Amino acid sequence: MIMIKNKAKLEKFYRELDRREKLSYKQALAIYEALHKEAVSLGVINSENILEGLEVDLRIARAMGRLKRGRKANKKDSSKVRRR
């Protein structure tokens, strides 16, 4: 497993990669299908475990989304407070 040491640098890398690549939906789907095929051939996933853990992942994603929205709302509220 690789440990991310500089999250900001990684995010900047991905933004730059997205900006330069401009993949179409068809291209992205072809990449996904190739990765999926390789994962199945390696035995990492199969038809029985493909959705394993999905519910947990969805709950985590929803919670993270709520946290982000809450932080944005707090920033807006705190910017309205007049400081002396």
C-alpha atoms as a PDB file:
ATOM      1  CA  MET A   1       0.000   0.000   0.000  1.00  0.00           C
ATOM      2  CA  ILE A   2       1.224   3.507  -0.827  1.00  0.00           C
ATOM      3  CA  MET A   3       0.932   6.245   1.768  1.00  0.00           C
ATOM      4  CA  ILE A   4       0.017   9.710   0.520  1.00  0.00           C
ATOM      5  CA  LYS A   5       2.291  12.230   2.208  1.00  0.00           C
ATOM      6  CA  ASN A   6       1.240  15.405   0.426  1.00  0.00           C
ATOM      7  CA  LYS A   7      -2.487  15.410  -0.342  1.00  0.00           C
ATOM      8  CA  ALA A   8      -2.443  18.901  -1.874  1.00  0.00           C
ATOM      9  CA  LYS A   9       0.298  17.911  -4.310  1.00  0.00           C
ATOM     10  CA  LEU A  10      -1.610  14.765  -5.319  1.00  0.00           C
ATOM     11  CA  GLU A  11      -4.840  16.720  -5.854  1.00  0.00           C
ATOM     12  CA  LYS A  12      -2.963  19.282  -7.958  1.00  0.00           C
ATOM     13  CA  PHE A  13      -1.508  16.417 -10.034  1.00  0.00           C
ATOM     14  CA  TYR A  14      -4.975  14.936 -10.661  1.00  0.00           C
ATOM     15  CA  ARG A  15      -6.478  18.327 -11.577  1.00  0.00           C
ATOM     16  CA  GLU A  16      -3.657  18.898 -14.054  1.00  0.00           C
ATOM     17  CA  LEU A  17      -4.064  15.375 -15.455  1.00  0.00           C
ATOM     18  CA  ASP A  18      -7.817  15.896 -15.933  1.00  0.00           C
ATOM     19  CA  ARG A  19      -7.177  19.261 -17.591  1.00  0.00           C
ATOM     20  CA  ARG A  20      -4.659  17.823 -20.055  1.00  0.00           C
ATOM     21  CA  GLU A  21      -6.371  14.523 -20.914  1.00  0.00           C
ATOM     22  CA  LYS A  22      -9.965  15.587 -21.638  1.00  0.00           C
ATOM     23  CA  LEU A  23     -11.244  12.002 -21.945  1.00  0.00           C
ATOM     24  CA  SER A  24     -14.544  11.421 -23.654  1.00  0.00           C
ATOM     25  CA  TYR A  25     -17.148   9.226 -22.006  1.00  0.00           C
ATOM     26  CA  LYS A  26     -16.344   6.450 -24.508  1.00  0.00           C
ATOM     27  CA  GLN A  27     -12.628   6.624 -23.719  1.00  0.00           C
ATOM     28  CA  ALA A  28     -13.218   6.605 -19.959  1.00  0.00           C
ATOM     29  CA  LEU A  29     -15.578   3.637 -20.302  1.00  0.00           C
ATOM     30  CA  ALA A  30     -13.009   1.710 -22.379  1.00  0.00           C
ATOM     31  CA  ILE A  31     -10.368   2.318 -19.693  1.00  0.00           C
ATOM     32  CA  TYR A  32     -12.767   1.226 -16.962  1.00  0.00           C
ATOM     33  CA  GLU A  33     -13.704  -1.945 -18.834  1.00  0.00           C
ATOM     34  CA  ALA A  34     -10.032  -2.822 -19.414  1.00  0.00           C
ATOM     35  CA  LEU A  35      -9.221  -2.291 -15.723  1.00  0.00           C
ATOM     36  CA  HIS A  36     -12.252  -4.346 -14.703  1.00  0.00           C
ATOM     37  CA  LYS A  37     -11.244  -7.181 -17.047  1.00  0.00           C
ATOM     38  CA  GLU A  38      -7.716  -7.171 -15.600  1.00  0.00           C
ATOM     39  CA  ALA A  39      -9.020  -7.190 -12.012  1.00  0.00           C
ATOM     40  CA  VAL A  40     -11.248 -10.185 -12.815  1.00  0.00           C
ATOM     41  CA  SER A  41      -8.377 -12.041 -14.518  1.00  0.00           C
ATOM     42  CA  LEU A  42      -6.166 -11.424 -11.464  1.00  0.00           C
ATOM     43  CA  GLY A  43      -8.919 -12.741  -9.187  1.00  0.00           C
ATOM     44  CA  VAL A  44      -9.180  -9.476  -7.259  1.00  0.00           C
ATOM     45  CA  ILE A  45     -12.889  -9.214  -8.017  1.00  0.00           C
ATOM     46  CA  ASN A  46     -15.497 -11.612  -9.308  1.00  0.00           C
ATOM     47  CA  SER A  47     -19.239 -11.637  -9.838  1.00  0.00           C
ATOM     48  CA  GLU A  48     -19.831 -12.712  -6.227  1.00  0.00           C
ATOM     49  CA  ASN A  49     -17.811  -9.979  -4.521  1.00  0.00           C
ATOM     50  CA  ILE A  50     -18.180  -7.080  -6.969  1.00  0.00           C
ATOM     51  CA  LEU A  51     -20.638  -5.214  -4.716  1.00  0.00           C
ATOM     52  CA  GLU A  52     -19.072  -6.298  -1.432  1.00  0.00           C
ATOM     53  CA  GLY A  53     -18.636  -3.288   0.810  1.00  0.00           C
ATOM     54  CA  LEU A  54     -20.506  -0.962  -1.551  1.00  0.00           C
ATOM     55  CA  GLU A  55     -23.083  -0.008   1.081  1.00  0.00           C
ATOM     56  CA  VAL A  56     -20.334   1.025   3.486  1.00  0.00           C
ATOM     57  CA  ASP A  57     -18.561   3.015   0.773  1.00  0.00           C
ATOM     58  CA  LEU A  58     -21.795   4.819  -0.105  1.00  0.00           C
ATOM     59  CA  ARG A  59     -22.466   5.707   3.542  1.00  0.00           C
ATOM     60  CA  ILE A  60     -18.933   7.056   3.917  1.00  0.00           C
ATOM     61  CA  ALA A  61     -19.256   9.083   0.692  1.00  0.00           C
ATOM     62  CA  ARG A  62     -22.560  10.585   1.861  1.00  0.00           C
ATOM     63  CA  ALA A  63     -21.098  11.478   5.246  1.00  0.00           C
ATOM     64  CA  MET A  64     -18.051  13.083   3.620  1.00  0.00           C
ATOM     65  CA  GLY A  65     -20.344  15.098   1.349  1.00  0.00           C
ATOM     66  CA  ARG A  66     -22.303  16.340   4.355  1.00  0.00           C
ATOM     67  CA  LEU A  67     -19.077  17.348   6.092  1.00  0.00           C
ATOM     68  CA  LYS A  68     -17.914  19.318   3.065  1.00  0.00           C
ATOM     69  CA  ARG A  69     -21.273  21.091   2.760  1.00  0.00           C
ATOM     70  CA  GLY A  70     -21.200  21.842   6.492  1.00  0.00           C
ATOM     71  CA  ARG A  71     -17.714  23.327   6.250  1.00  0.00           C
ATOM     72  CA  LYS A  72     -18.725  25.543   3.333  1.00  0.00           C
ATOM     73  CA  ALA A  73     -21.771  26.760   5.259  1.00  0.00           C
ATOM     74  CA  ASN A  74     -19.636  27.468   8.332  1.00  0.00           C
ATOM     75  CA  LYS A  75     -17.137  29.447   6.250  1.00  0.00           C
ATOM     76  CA  LYS A  76     -19.937  31.559   4.795  1.00  0.00           C
ATOM     77  CA  ASP A  77     -21.403  32.165   8.250  1.00  0.00           C
ATOM     78  CA  SER A  78     -18.035  33.030   9.777  1.00  0.00           C
ATOM     79  CA  SER A  79     -17.226  35.465   6.954  1.00  0.00           C
ATOM     80  CA  LYS A  80     -20.372  37.423   7.835  1.00  0.00           C
ATOM     81  CA  VAL A  81     -19.231  37.901  11.423  1.00  0.00           C
ATOM     82  CA  ARG A  82     -17.650  41.303  11.844  1.00  0.00           C
ATOM     83  CA  ARG A  83     -14.320  41.215  13.615  1.00  0.00           C
ATOM     84  CA  ARG A  84     -12.984  44.131  15.682  1.00  0.00           C
END
